[in-house]
């Protein structure tokens, strides 16, 4: 079972319009009870694009810069506004690449509360 804060590759295709596409790293933001109870998990995609470190993005909570992870394997920007539900059995190989820090996990939980 994946856990909240895990980072793994997820195939986000097919998409429409401005939805994030292709196979990319995503952070699991749904809590462990949710992940155990349902066939889907809530994820936020990561981007390695340098444009998200620009001031106009850095001022917004919708863009969270990841510079530290448990295994130090992942860096980039979490695109919080692109939160979505995915079925990992069909969109991922379930291999956890890394985990966000406890601090980042708490920050993402707080940001998510404001969306709903």
PDB file of N, CA and C in Angstrom:
ATOM      1  N   UNK A   1       0.835  -1.185   0.000  1.00  0.00           N
ATOM      2  CA  UNK A   1       0.000   0.000   0.000  1.00  0.00           C
ATOM      3  C   UNK A   1       0.880   1.249   0.000  1.00  0.00           C
ATOM      4  N   UNK A   2       0.544   2.196  -0.854  1.00  0.00           N
ATOM      5  CA  UNK A   2       1.257   3.469  -0.828  1.00  0.00           C
ATOM      6  C   UNK A   2       0.770   4.279   0.362  1.00  0.00           C
ATOM      7  N   UNK A   3       1.616   5.197   0.794  1.00  0.00           N
ATOM      8  CA  UNK A   3       1.304   6.007   1.967  1.00  0.00           C
ATOM      9  C   UNK A   3       1.350   7.490   1.612  1.00  0.00           C
ATOM     10  N   UNK A   4       0.680   8.275   2.423  1.00  0.00           N
ATOM     11  CA  UNK A   4       0.690   9.718   2.222  1.00  0.00           C
ATOM     12  C   UNK A   4       2.136  10.209   2.241  1.00  0.00           C
ATOM     13  N   UNK A   5       2.485  11.027   1.252  1.00  0.00           N
ATOM     14  CA  UNK A   5       3.836  11.554   1.147  1.00  0.00           C
ATOM     15  C   UNK A   5       4.737  10.780   0.210  1.00  0.00           C
ATOM     16  N   UNK A   6       4.321   9.580  -0.209  1.00  0.00           N
ATOM     17  CA  UNK A   6       5.116   8.803  -1.161  1.00  0.00           C
ATOM     18  C   UNK A   6       5.170   9.518  -2.508  1.00  0.00           C
ATOM     19  N   UNK A   7       6.304   9.388  -3.176  1.00  0.00           N
ATOM     20  CA  UNK A   7       6.487   9.938  -4.521  1.00  0.00           C
ATOM     21  C   UNK A   7       6.694   8.762  -5.464  1.00  0.00           C
ATOM     22  N   UNK A   8       5.900   8.710  -6.537  1.00  0.00           N
ATOM     23  CA  UNK A   8       6.036   7.633  -7.510  1.00  0.00           C
ATOM     24  C   UNK A   8       5.669   8.127  -8.897  1.00  0.00           C
ATOM     25  N   UNK A   9       6.121   7.400  -9.911  1.00  0.00           N
ATOM     26  CA  UNK A   9       5.770   7.740 -11.285  1.00  0.00           C
ATOM     27  C   UNK A   9       4.347   7.298 -11.567  1.00  0.00           C
ATOM     28  N   UNK A  10       3.581   8.207 -12.186  1.00  0.00           N
ATOM     29  CA  UNK A  10       2.196   7.920 -12.543  1.00  0.00           C
ATOM     30  C   UNK A  10       1.965   8.390 -13.974  1.00  0.00           C
ATOM     31  N   UNK A  11       1.321   7.559 -14.763  1.00  0.00           N
ATOM     32  CA  UNK A  11       0.955   7.924 -16.133  1.00  0.00           C
ATOM     33  C   UNK A  11      -0.361   8.695 -16.075  1.00  0.00           C
ATOM     34  N   UNK A  12      -0.302   9.995 -16.296  1.00  0.00           N
ATOM     35  CA  UNK A  12      -1.484  10.853 -16.192  1.00  0.00           C
ATOM     36  C   UNK A  12      -2.293  10.925 -17.488  1.00  0.00           C
ATOM     37  N   UNK A  13      -1.839  10.262 -18.543  1.00  0.00           N
ATOM     38  CA  UNK A  13      -2.588  10.250 -19.804  1.00  0.00           C
ATOM     39  C   UNK A  13      -3.719   9.239 -19.725  1.00  0.00           C
ATOM     40  N   UNK A  14      -4.824   9.438 -20.384  1.00  0.00           N
ATOM     41  CA  UNK A  14      -5.155  10.578 -21.239  1.00  0.00           C
ATOM     42  C   UNK A  14      -5.637  11.776 -20.412  1.00  0.00           C
ATOM     43  N   UNK A  15      -5.499  12.948 -21.003  1.00  0.00           N
ATOM     44  CA  UNK A  15      -5.944  14.184 -20.369  1.00  0.00           C
ATOM     45  C   UNK A  15      -6.690  15.025 -21.388  1.00  0.00           C
ATOM     46  N   UNK A  16      -7.289  16.097 -20.904  1.00  0.00           N
ATOM     47  CA  UNK A  16      -7.954  17.067 -21.777  1.00  0.00           C
ATOM     48  C   UNK A  16      -7.589  18.466 -21.319  1.00  0.00           C
ATOM     49  N   UNK A  17      -7.557  19.389 -22.271  1.00  0.00           N
ATOM     50  CA  UNK A  17      -7.333  20.796 -21.938  1.00  0.00           C
ATOM     51  C   UNK A  17      -6.025  21.032 -21.209  1.00  0.00           C
ATOM     52  N   UNK A  18      -6.102  21.744 -20.096  1.00  0.00           N
ATOM     53  CA  UNK A  18      -4.920  22.141 -19.335  1.00  0.00           C
ATOM     54  C   UNK A  18      -4.508  21.153 -18.253  1.00  0.00           C
ATOM     55  N   UNK A  19      -5.075  19.954 -18.261  1.00  0.00           N
ATOM     56  CA  UNK A  19      -4.694  18.957 -17.266  1.00  0.00           C
ATOM     57  C   UNK A  19      -3.247  18.515 -17.498  1.00  0.00           C
ATOM     58  N   UNK A  20      -2.544  18.210 -16.414  1.00  0.00           N
ATOM     59  CA  UNK A  20      -1.167  17.724 -16.515  1.00  0.00           C
ATOM     60  C   UNK A  20      -1.171  16.375 -17.218  1.00  0.00           C
ATOM     61  N   UNK A  21      -0.240  16.216 -18.140  1.00  0.00           N
ATOM     62  CA  UNK A  21      -0.190  15.004 -18.955  1.00  0.00           C
ATOM     63  C   UNK A  21       1.128  14.269 -18.743  1.00  0.00           C
ATOM     64  N   UNK A  22       1.264  13.166 -19.378  1.00  0.00           N
ATOM     65  CA  UNK A  22       2.407  12.260 -19.500  1.00  0.00           C
ATOM     66  C   UNK A  22       2.746  11.559 -18.196  1.00  0.00           C
ATOM     67  N   UNK A  23       3.750  10.712 -18.265  1.00  0.00           N
ATOM     68  CA  UNK A  23       4.211   9.979 -17.087  1.00  0.00           C
ATOM     69  C   UNK A  23       5.124  10.911 -16.301  1.00  0.00           C
ATOM     70  N   UNK A  24       4.781  11.130 -15.033  1.00  0.00           N
ATOM     71  CA  UNK A  24       5.582  12.040 -14.221  1.00  0.00           C
ATOM     72  C   UNK A  24       5.521  11.651 -12.757  1.00  0.00           C
ATOM     73  N   UNK A  25       6.453  12.184 -12.004  1.00  0.00           N
ATOM     74  CA  UNK A  25       6.446  11.965 -10.566  1.00  0.00           C
ATOM     75  C   UNK A  25       5.264  12.687  -9.941  1.00  0.00           C
ATOM     76  N   UNK A  26       4.624  12.033  -8.980  1.00  0.00           N
ATOM     77  CA  UNK A  26       3.499  12.620  -8.248  1.00  0.00           C
ATOM     78  C   UNK A  26       3.655  12.295  -6.770  1.00  0.00           C
ATOM     79  N   UNK A  27       3.106  13.176  -5.937  1.00  0.00           N
ATOM     80  CA  UNK A  27       3.091  12.975  -4.490  1.00  0.00           C
ATOM     81  C   UNK A  27       1.702  12.507  -4.082  1.00  0.00           C
ATOM     82  N   UNK A  28       1.629  11.441  -3.307  1.00  0.00           N
ATOM     83  CA  UNK A  28       0.351  10.975  -2.770  1.00  0.00           C
ATOM     84  C   UNK A  28      -0.031  11.908  -1.624  1.00  0.00           C
ATOM     85  N   UNK A  29      -1.205  12.554  -1.734  1.00  0.00           N
ATOM     86  CA  UNK A  29      -1.640  13.490  -0.696  1.00  0.00           C
ATOM     87  C   UNK A  29      -2.815  12.969   0.120  1.00  0.00           C
ATOM     88  N   UNK A  30      -3.497  11.941  -0.355  1.00  0.00           N
ATOM     89  CA  UNK A  30      -4.578  11.357   0.443  1.00  0.00           C
ATOM     90  C   UNK A  30      -3.964  10.633   1.641  1.00  0.00           C
ATOM     91  N   UNK A  31      -4.709  10.622   2.752  1.00  0.00           N
ATOM     92  CA  UNK A  31      -4.155  10.008   3.964  1.00  0.00           C
ATOM     93  C   UNK A  31      -4.183   8.479   3.868  1.00  0.00           C
ATOM     94  N   UNK A  32      -3.490   7.840   4.779  1.00  0.00           N
ATOM     95  CA  UNK A  32      -3.322   6.387   4.718  1.00  0.00           C
ATOM     96  C   UNK A  32      -4.642   5.636   4.853  1.00  0.00           C
ATOM     97  N   UNK A  33      -5.567   6.156   5.646  1.00  0.00           N
ATOM     98  CA  UNK A  33      -6.880   5.512   5.777  1.00  0.00           C
ATOM     99  C   UNK A  33      -7.606   5.536   4.434  1.00  0.00           C
ATOM    100  N   UNK A  34      -7.590   6.684   3.768  1.00  0.00           N
ATOM    101  CA  UNK A  34      -8.205   6.824   2.442  1.00  0.00           C
ATOM    102  C   UNK A  34      -7.557   5.839   1.468  1.00  0.00           C
ATOM    103  N   UNK A  35      -6.234   5.806   1.465  1.00  0.00           N
ATOM    104  CA  UNK A  35      -5.503   4.950   0.526  1.00  0.00           C
ATOM    105  C   UNK A  35      -5.819   3.471   0.728  1.00  0.00           C
ATOM    106  N   UNK A  36      -6.052   3.082   1.968  1.00  0.00           N
ATOM    107  CA  UNK A  36      -6.372   1.689   2.284  1.00  0.00           C
ATOM    108  C   UNK A  36      -7.830   1.358   1.955  1.00  0.00           C
ATOM    109  N   UNK A  37      -8.707   2.350   2.031  1.00  0.00           N
ATOM    110  CA  UNK A  37     -10.148   2.117   1.905  1.00  0.00           C
ATOM    111  C   UNK A  37     -10.678   2.158   0.480  1.00  0.00           C
ATOM    112  N   UNK A  38     -10.010   2.897  -0.394  1.00  0.00           N
ATOM    113  CA  UNK A  38     -10.542   3.111  -1.738  1.00  0.00           C
ATOM    114  C   UNK A  38      -9.602   2.565  -2.805  1.00  0.00           C
ATOM    115  N   UNK A  39     -10.117   2.445  -4.015  1.00  0.00           N
ATOM    116  CA  UNK A  39      -9.319   1.951  -5.144  1.00  0.00           C
ATOM    117  C   UNK A  39      -8.526   3.052  -5.828  1.00  0.00           C
ATOM    118  N   UNK A  40      -8.647   4.264  -5.327  1.00  0.00           N
ATOM    119  CA  UNK A  40      -7.933   5.398  -5.902  1.00  0.00           C
ATOM    120  C   UNK A  40      -7.181   6.135  -4.803  1.00  0.00           C
ATOM    121  N   UNK A  41      -6.228   6.968  -5.215  1.00  0.00           N
ATOM    122  CA  UNK A  41      -5.524   7.859  -4.290  1.00  0.00           C
ATOM    123  C   UNK A  41      -5.530   9.257  -4.892  1.00  0.00           C
ATOM    124  N   UNK A  42      -5.371  10.258  -4.038  1.00  0.00           N
ATOM    125  CA  UNK A  42      -5.260  11.634  -4.505  1.00  0.00           C
ATOM    126  C   UNK A  42      -3.787  11.976  -4.629  1.00  0.00           C
ATOM    127  N   UNK A  43      -3.416  12.544  -5.776  1.00  0.00           N
ATOM    128  CA  UNK A  43      -2.016  12.880  -6.025  1.00  0.00           C
ATOM    129  C   UNK A  43      -1.895  14.306  -6.546  1.00  0.00           C
ATOM    130  N   UNK A  44      -0.694  14.847  -6.378  1.00  0.00           N
ATOM    131  CA  UNK A  44      -0.323  16.130  -6.970  1.00  0.00           C
ATOM    132  C   UNK A  44       0.938  15.891  -7.785  1.00  0.00           C
ATOM    133  N   UNK A  45       0.942  16.324  -9.052  1.00  0.00           N
ATOM    134  CA  UNK A  45       2.118  16.108  -9.895  1.00  0.00           C
ATOM    135  C   UNK A  45       3.270  17.047  -9.547  1.00  0.00           C
ATOM    136  N   UNK A  46       4.466  16.592  -9.859  1.00  0.00           N
ATOM    137  CA  UNK A  46       5.676  17.400  -9.713  1.00  0.00           C
ATOM    138  C   UNK A  46       6.156  17.827 -11.089  1.00  0.00           C
ATOM    139  N   UNK A  47       6.749  19.013 -11.136  1.00  0.00           N
ATOM    140  CA  UNK A  47       7.351  19.498 -12.375  1.00  0.00           C
ATOM    141  C   UNK A  47       8.801  19.867 -12.102  1.00  0.00           C
ATOM    142  N   UNK A  48       9.663  19.576 -13.056  1.00  0.00           N
ATOM    143  CA  UNK A  48      11.067  19.969 -12.932  1.00  0.00           C
ATOM    144  C   UNK A  48      11.339  21.281 -13.661  1.00  0.00           C
ATOM    145  N   UNK A  49      10.305  21.882 -14.238  1.00  0.00           N
ATOM    146  CA  UNK A  49      10.462  23.134 -14.976  1.00  0.00           C
ATOM    147  C   UNK A  49      10.962  24.245 -14.061  1.00  0.00           C
ATOM    148  N   UNK A  50      11.926  24.992 -14.523  1.00  0.00           N
ATOM    149  CA  UNK A  50      12.512  26.085 -13.739  1.00  0.00           C
ATOM    150  C   UNK A  50      11.577  27.293 -13.645  1.00  0.00           C
ATOM    151  N   UNK A  51      10.557  27.365 -14.497  1.00  0.00           N
ATOM    152  CA  UNK A  51       9.680  28.541 -14.471  1.00  0.00           C
ATOM    153  C   UNK A  51       8.934  28.669 -13.148  1.00  0.00           C
ATOM    154  N   UNK A  52       8.739  27.566 -12.439  1.00  0.00           N
ATOM    155  CA  UNK A  52       7.971  27.611 -11.195  1.00  0.00           C
ATOM    156  C   UNK A  52       8.749  28.186 -10.017  1.00  0.00           C
ATOM    157  N   UNK A  53      10.032  28.469 -10.189  1.00  0.00           N
ATOM    158  CA  UNK A  53      10.782  29.154  -9.132  1.00  0.00           C
ATOM    159  C   UNK A  53      10.733  30.669  -9.308  1.00  0.00           C
ATOM    160  N   UNK A  54      10.116  31.139 -10.409  1.00  0.00           N
ATOM    161  CA  UNK A  54       9.940  32.578 -10.612  1.00  0.00           C
ATOM    162  C   UNK A  54       9.041  33.137  -9.519  1.00  0.00           C
ATOM    163  N   UNK A  55       9.232  34.419  -9.213  1.00  0.00           N
ATOM    164  CA  UNK A  55       8.531  35.049  -8.095  1.00  0.00           C
ATOM    165  C   UNK A  55       7.015  34.920  -8.176  1.00  0.00           C
ATOM    166  N   UNK A  56       6.441  35.079  -9.370  1.00  0.00           N
ATOM    167  CA  UNK A  56       4.979  35.031  -9.478  1.00  0.00           C
ATOM    168  C   UNK A  56       4.415  33.672  -9.064  1.00  0.00           C
ATOM    169  N   UNK A  57       5.194  32.615  -9.227  1.00  0.00           N
ATOM    170  CA  UNK A  57       4.763  31.288  -8.792  1.00  0.00           C
ATOM    171  C   UNK A  57       5.147  31.046  -7.332  1.00  0.00           C
ATOM    172  N   UNK A  58       6.327  31.492  -6.954  1.00  0.00           N
ATOM    173  CA  UNK A  58       6.833  31.253  -5.596  1.00  0.00           C
ATOM    174  C   UNK A  58       5.952  31.907  -4.535  1.00  0.00           C
ATOM    175  N   UNK A  59       5.243  32.974  -4.884  1.00  0.00           N
ATOM    176  CA  UNK A  59       4.366  33.665  -3.925  1.00  0.00           C
ATOM    177  C   UNK A  59       3.071  32.911  -3.666  1.00  0.00           C
ATOM    178  N   UNK A  60       2.743  31.955  -4.501  1.00  0.00           N
ATOM    179  CA  UNK A  60       1.474  31.237  -4.391  1.00  0.00           C
ATOM    180  C   UNK A  60       1.655  29.901  -3.676  1.00  0.00           C
ATOM    181  N   UNK A  61       0.723  29.584  -2.782  1.00  0.00           N
ATOM    182  CA  UNK A  61       0.758  28.282  -2.112  1.00  0.00           C
ATOM    183  C   UNK A  61       0.477  27.127  -3.061  1.00  0.00           C
ATOM    184  N   UNK A  62      -0.033  27.427  -4.245  1.00  0.00           N
ATOM    185  CA  UNK A  62      -0.359  26.374  -5.211  1.00  0.00           C
ATOM    186  C   UNK A  62       0.891  25.728  -5.806  1.00  0.00           C
ATOM    187  N   UNK A  63       2.052  26.327  -5.564  1.00  0.00           N
ATOM    188  CA  UNK A  63       3.317  25.814  -6.093  1.00  0.00           C
ATOM    189  C   UNK A  63       4.279  25.624  -4.925  1.00  0.00           C
ATOM    190  N   UNK A  64       4.576  24.386  -4.598  1.00  0.00           N
ATOM    191  CA  UNK A  64       5.444  24.075  -3.461  1.00  0.00           C
ATOM    192  C   UNK A  64       6.766  23.493  -3.956  1.00  0.00           C
ATOM    193  N   UNK A  65       7.848  24.197  -3.674  1.00  0.00           N
ATOM    194  CA  UNK A  65       9.166  23.770  -4.117  1.00  0.00           C
ATOM    195  C   UNK A  65       9.707  22.672  -3.206  1.00  0.00           C
ATOM    196  N   UNK A  66      10.137  21.583  -3.820  1.00  0.00           N
ATOM    197  CA  UNK A  66      10.714  20.451  -3.092  1.00  0.00           C
ATOM    198  C   UNK A  66      12.224  20.486  -3.287  1.00  0.00           C
ATOM    199  N   UNK A  67      12.937  20.731  -2.204  1.00  0.00           N
ATOM    200  CA  UNK A  67      14.400  20.711  -2.257  1.00  0.00           C
ATOM    201  C   UNK A  67      14.973  19.604  -1.391  1.00  0.00           C
ATOM    202  N   UNK A  68      14.122  19.050  -0.515  1.00  0.00           N
ATOM    203  CA  UNK A  68      14.575  18.010   0.406  1.00  0.00           C
ATOM    204  C   UNK A  68      13.545  16.886   0.451  1.00  0.00           C
ATOM    205  N   UNK A  69      14.025  15.663   0.311  1.00  0.00           N
ATOM    206  CA  UNK A  69      13.184  14.473   0.441  1.00  0.00           C
ATOM    207  C   UNK A  69      13.940  13.455   1.284  1.00  0.00           C
ATOM    208  N   UNK A  70      13.272  12.381   1.657  1.00  0.00           N
ATOM    209  CA  UNK A  70      13.920  11.382   2.522  1.00  0.00           C
ATOM    210  C   UNK A  70      15.158  10.761   1.888  1.00  0.00           C
ATOM    211  N   UNK A  71      15.098  10.455   0.598  1.00  0.00           N
ATOM    212  CA  UNK A  71      16.227   9.805  -0.078  1.00  0.00           C
ATOM    213  C   UNK A  71      17.041  10.780  -0.932  1.00  0.00           C
ATOM    214  N   UNK A  72      16.640  12.053  -0.942  1.00  0.00           N
ATOM    215  CA  UNK A  72      17.305  13.099  -1.738  1.00  0.00           C
ATOM    216  C   UNK A  72      17.359  12.761  -3.222  1.00  0.00           C
ATOM    217  N   UNK A  73      16.325  12.075  -3.730  1.00  0.00           N
ATOM    218  CA  UNK A  73      16.290  11.685  -5.139  1.00  0.00           C
ATOM    219  C   UNK A  73      15.445  12.622  -5.994  1.00  0.00           C
ATOM    220  N   UNK A  74      14.587  13.440  -5.362  1.00  0.00           N
ATOM    221  CA  UNK A  74      13.607  14.220  -6.112  1.00  0.00           C
ATOM    222  C   UNK A  74      13.713  15.695  -5.753  1.00  0.00           C
ATOM    223  N   UNK A  75      13.688  16.536  -6.794  1.00  0.00           N
ATOM    224  CA  UNK A  75      13.574  17.979  -6.629  1.00  0.00           C
ATOM    225  C   UNK A  75      12.602  18.474  -7.677  1.00  0.00           C
ATOM    226  N   UNK A  76      11.972  19.603  -7.408  1.00  0.00           N
ATOM    227  CA  UNK A  76      11.037  20.175  -8.366  1.00  0.00           C
ATOM    228  C   UNK A  76       9.970  20.965  -7.649  1.00  0.00           C
ATOM    229  N   UNK A  77       8.865  21.172  -8.340  1.00  0.00           N
ATOM    230  CA  UNK A  77       7.753  21.942  -7.796  1.00  0.00           C
ATOM    231  C   UNK A  77       6.492  21.101  -7.826  1.00  0.00           C
ATOM    232  N   UNK A  78       5.826  21.009  -6.686  1.00  0.00           N
ATOM    233  CA  UNK A  78       4.543  20.318  -6.612  1.00  0.00           C
ATOM    234  C   UNK A  78       3.475  21.280  -7.101  1.00  0.00           C
ATOM    235  N   UNK A  79       2.699  20.849  -8.083  1.00  0.00           N
ATOM    236  CA  UNK A  79       1.646  21.683  -8.668  1.00  0.00           C
ATOM    237  C   UNK A  79       0.328  21.336  -7.984  1.00  0.00           C
ATOM    238  N   UNK A  80       0.086  22.000  -6.864  1.00  0.00           N
ATOM    239  CA  UNK A  80      -1.045  21.647  -5.995  1.00  0.00           C
ATOM    240  C   UNK A  80      -2.394  21.818  -6.675  1.00  0.00           C
ATOM    241  N   UNK A  81      -2.510  22.773  -7.587  1.00  0.00           N
ATOM    242  CA  UNK A  81      -3.794  23.013  -8.253  1.00  0.00           C
ATOM    243  C   UNK A  81      -4.173  21.886  -9.202  1.00  0.00           C
ATOM    244  N   UNK A  82      -3.252  20.981  -9.478  1.00  0.00           N
ATOM    245  CA  UNK A  82      -3.525  19.854 -10.376  1.00  0.00           C
ATOM    246  C   UNK A  82      -3.818  18.566  -9.609  1.00  0.00           C
ATOM    247  N   UNK A  83      -4.309  18.690  -8.396  1.00  0.00           N
ATOM    248  CA  UNK A  83      -4.673  17.520  -7.595  1.00  0.00           C
ATOM    249  C   UNK A  83      -5.694  16.686  -8.364  1.00  0.00           C
ATOM    250  N   UNK A  84      -5.528  15.379  -8.311  1.00  0.00           N
ATOM    251  CA  UNK A  84      -6.495  14.505  -8.979  1.00  0.00           C
ATOM    252  C   UNK A  84      -6.484  13.112  -8.368  1.00  0.00           C
ATOM    253  N   UNK A  85      -7.542  12.405  -8.637  1.00  0.00           N
ATOM    254  CA  UNK A  85      -7.696  11.037  -8.167  1.00  0.00           C
ATOM    255  C   UNK A  85      -7.222  10.094  -9.266  1.00  0.00           C
ATOM    256  N   UNK A  86      -6.427   9.090  -8.886  1.00  0.00           N
ATOM    257  CA  UNK A  86      -5.949   8.113  -9.868  1.00  0.00           C
ATOM    258  C   UNK A  86      -6.035   6.696  -9.298  1.00  0.00           C
ATOM    259  N   UNK A  87      -6.206   5.748 -10.186  1.00  0.00           N
ATOM    260  CA  UNK A  87      -6.173   4.330  -9.837  1.00  0.00           C
ATOM    261  C   UNK A  87      -4.743   3.847 -10.081  1.00  0.00           C
ATOM    262  N   UNK A  88      -3.991   3.673  -9.022  1.00  0.00           N
ATOM    263  CA  UNK A  88      -2.580   3.318  -9.158  1.00  0.00           C
ATOM    264  C   UNK A  88      -2.353   1.974  -9.827  1.00  0.00           C
ATOM    265  N   UNK A  89      -3.273   1.050  -9.675  1.00  0.00           N
ATOM    266  CA  UNK A  89      -3.099  -0.260 -10.303  1.00  0.00           C
ATOM    267  C   UNK A  89      -3.056  -0.155 -11.825  1.00  0.00           C
ATOM    268  N   UNK A  90      -3.678   0.885 -12.382  1.00  0.00           N
ATOM    269  CA  UNK A  90      -3.717   1.062 -13.832  1.00  0.00           C
ATOM    270  C   UNK A  90      -2.797   2.172 -14.329  1.00  0.00           C
ATOM    271  N   UNK A  91      -2.272   2.989 -13.426  1.00  0.00           N
ATOM    272  CA  UNK A  91      -1.479   4.143 -13.852  1.00  0.00           C
ATOM    273  C   UNK A  91      -0.050   4.163 -13.317  1.00  0.00           C
ATOM    274  N   UNK A  92       0.335   3.167 -12.528  1.00  0.00           N
ATOM    275  CA  UNK A  92       1.657   3.181 -11.905  1.00  0.00           C
ATOM    276  C   UNK A  92       2.169   1.752 -11.712  1.00  0.00           C
ATOM    277  N   UNK A  93       3.493   1.639 -11.577  1.00  0.00           N
ATOM    278  CA  UNK A  93       4.063   0.331 -11.232  1.00  0.00           C
ATOM    279  C   UNK A  93       4.154   0.155  -9.711  1.00  0.00           C
ATOM    280  N   UNK A  94       3.663   1.133  -8.962  1.00  0.00           N
ATOM    281  CA  UNK A  94       3.588   1.130  -7.496  1.00  0.00           C
ATOM    282  C   UNK A  94       4.949   1.206  -6.812  1.00  0.00           C
ATOM    283  N   UNK A  95       6.008   1.469  -7.562  1.00  0.00           N
ATOM    284  CA  UNK A  95       7.342   1.590  -6.973  1.00  0.00           C
ATOM    285  C   UNK A  95       7.521   2.995  -6.390  1.00  0.00           C
ATOM    286  N   UNK A  96       7.717   3.059  -5.088  1.00  0.00           N
ATOM    287  CA  UNK A  96       7.918   4.345  -4.418  1.00  0.00           C
ATOM    288  C   UNK A  96       9.357   4.793  -4.665  1.00  0.00           C
ATOM    289  N   UNK A  97       9.499   5.963  -5.288  1.00  0.00           N
ATOM    290  CA  UNK A  97      10.814   6.503  -5.629  1.00  0.00           C
ATOM    291  C   UNK A  97      11.429   7.222  -4.433  1.00  0.00           C
ATOM    292  N   UNK A  98      10.589   7.933  -3.684  1.00  0.00           N
ATOM    293  CA  UNK A  98      11.062   8.753  -2.573  1.00  0.00           C
ATOM    294  C   UNK A  98       9.859   9.138  -1.722  1.00  0.00           C
ATOM    295  N   UNK A  99      10.091   9.941  -0.694  1.00  0.00           N
ATOM    296  CA  UNK A  99       9.022  10.457   0.166  1.00  0.00           C
ATOM    297  C   UNK A  99       9.312  11.918   0.469  1.00  0.00           C
ATOM    298  N   UNK A 100       8.255  12.739   0.522  1.00  0.00           N
ATOM    299  CA  UNK A 100       8.448  14.121   0.948  1.00  0.00           C
ATOM    300  C   UNK A 100       8.693  14.131   2.456  1.00  0.00           C
ATOM    301  N   UNK A 101       9.224  15.226   2.947  1.00  0.00           N
ATOM    302  CA  UNK A 101       9.464  15.362   4.382  1.00  0.00           C
ATOM    303  C   UNK A 101       8.136  15.471   5.127  1.00  0.00           C
ATOM    304  N   UNK A 102       8.174  15.230   6.416  1.00  0.00           N
ATOM    305  CA  UNK A 102       6.978  15.379   7.250  1.00  0.00           C
ATOM    306  C   UNK A 102       6.459  16.809   7.165  1.00  0.00           C
ATOM    307  N   UNK A 103       7.360  17.768   7.159  1.00  0.00           N
ATOM    308  CA  UNK A 103       6.972  19.180   7.052  1.00  0.00           C
ATOM    309  C   UNK A 103       6.212  19.438   5.754  1.00  0.00           C
ATOM    310  N   UNK A 104       6.704  18.922   4.636  1.00  0.00           N
ATOM    311  CA  UNK A 104       6.027  19.120   3.353  1.00  0.00           C
ATOM    312  C   UNK A 104       4.690  18.394   3.338  1.00  0.00           C
ATOM    313  N   UNK A 105       4.628  17.214   3.890  1.00  0.00           N
ATOM    314  CA  UNK A 105       3.374  16.460   3.951  1.00  0.00           C
ATOM    315  C   UNK A 105       2.318  17.267   4.713  1.00  0.00           C
ATOM    316  N   UNK A 106       2.703  17.859   5.829  1.00  0.00           N
ATOM    317  CA  UNK A 106       1.781  18.686   6.611  1.00  0.00           C
ATOM    318  C   UNK A 106       1.360  19.932   5.838  1.00  0.00           C
ATOM    319  N   UNK A 107       2.305  20.543   5.131  1.00  0.00           N
ATOM    320  CA  UNK A 107       1.990  21.735   4.335  1.00  0.00           C
ATOM    321  C   UNK A 107       0.994  21.395   3.232  1.00  0.00           C
ATOM    322  N   UNK A 108       1.189  20.272   2.552  1.00  0.00           N
ATOM    323  CA  UNK A 108       0.270  19.865   1.484  1.00  0.00           C
ATOM    324  C   UNK A 108      -1.118  19.557   2.038  1.00  0.00           C
ATOM    325  N   UNK A 109      -1.183  18.965   3.218  1.00  0.00           N
ATOM    326  CA  UNK A 109      -2.484  18.696   3.849  1.00  0.00           C
ATOM    327  C   UNK A 109      -3.216  19.999   4.140  1.00  0.00           C
ATOM    328  N   UNK A 110      -2.486  20.986   4.624  1.00  0.00           N
ATOM    329  CA  UNK A 110      -3.093  22.289   4.934  1.00  0.00           C
ATOM    330  C   UNK A 110      -3.571  22.980   3.657  1.00  0.00           C
ATOM    331  N   UNK A 111      -2.774  22.940   2.616  1.00  0.00           N
ATOM    332  CA  UNK A 111      -3.160  23.551   1.337  1.00  0.00           C
ATOM    333  C   UNK A 111      -4.401  22.867   0.785  1.00  0.00           C
ATOM    334  N   UNK A 112      -4.429  21.545   0.859  1.00  0.00           N
ATOM    335  CA  UNK A 112      -5.562  20.782   0.335  1.00  0.00           C
ATOM    336  C   UNK A 112      -6.858  21.149   1.051  1.00  0.00           C
ATOM    337  N   UNK A 113      -6.803  21.409   2.341  1.00  0.00           N
ATOM    338  CA  UNK A 113      -7.999  21.810   3.096  1.00  0.00           C
ATOM    339  C   UNK A 113      -8.645  23.053   2.495  1.00  0.00           C
ATOM    340  N   UNK A 114      -7.839  23.960   1.988  1.00  0.00           N
ATOM    341  CA  UNK A 114      -8.359  25.211   1.419  1.00  0.00           C
ATOM    342  C   UNK A 114      -9.023  25.004   0.060  1.00  0.00           C
ATOM    343  N   UNK A 115      -8.743  23.889  -0.594  1.00  0.00           N
ATOM    344  CA  UNK A 115      -9.365  23.597  -1.888  1.00  0.00           C
ATOM    345  C   UNK A 115     -10.797  23.113  -1.738  1.00  0.00           C
ATOM    346  N   UNK A 116     -11.108  22.500  -0.602  1.00  0.00           N
ATOM    347  CA  UNK A 116     -12.415  21.886  -0.426  1.00  0.00           C
ATOM    348  C   UNK A 116     -13.161  22.611   0.633  1.00  0.00           C
TER     349      UNK A 116
END
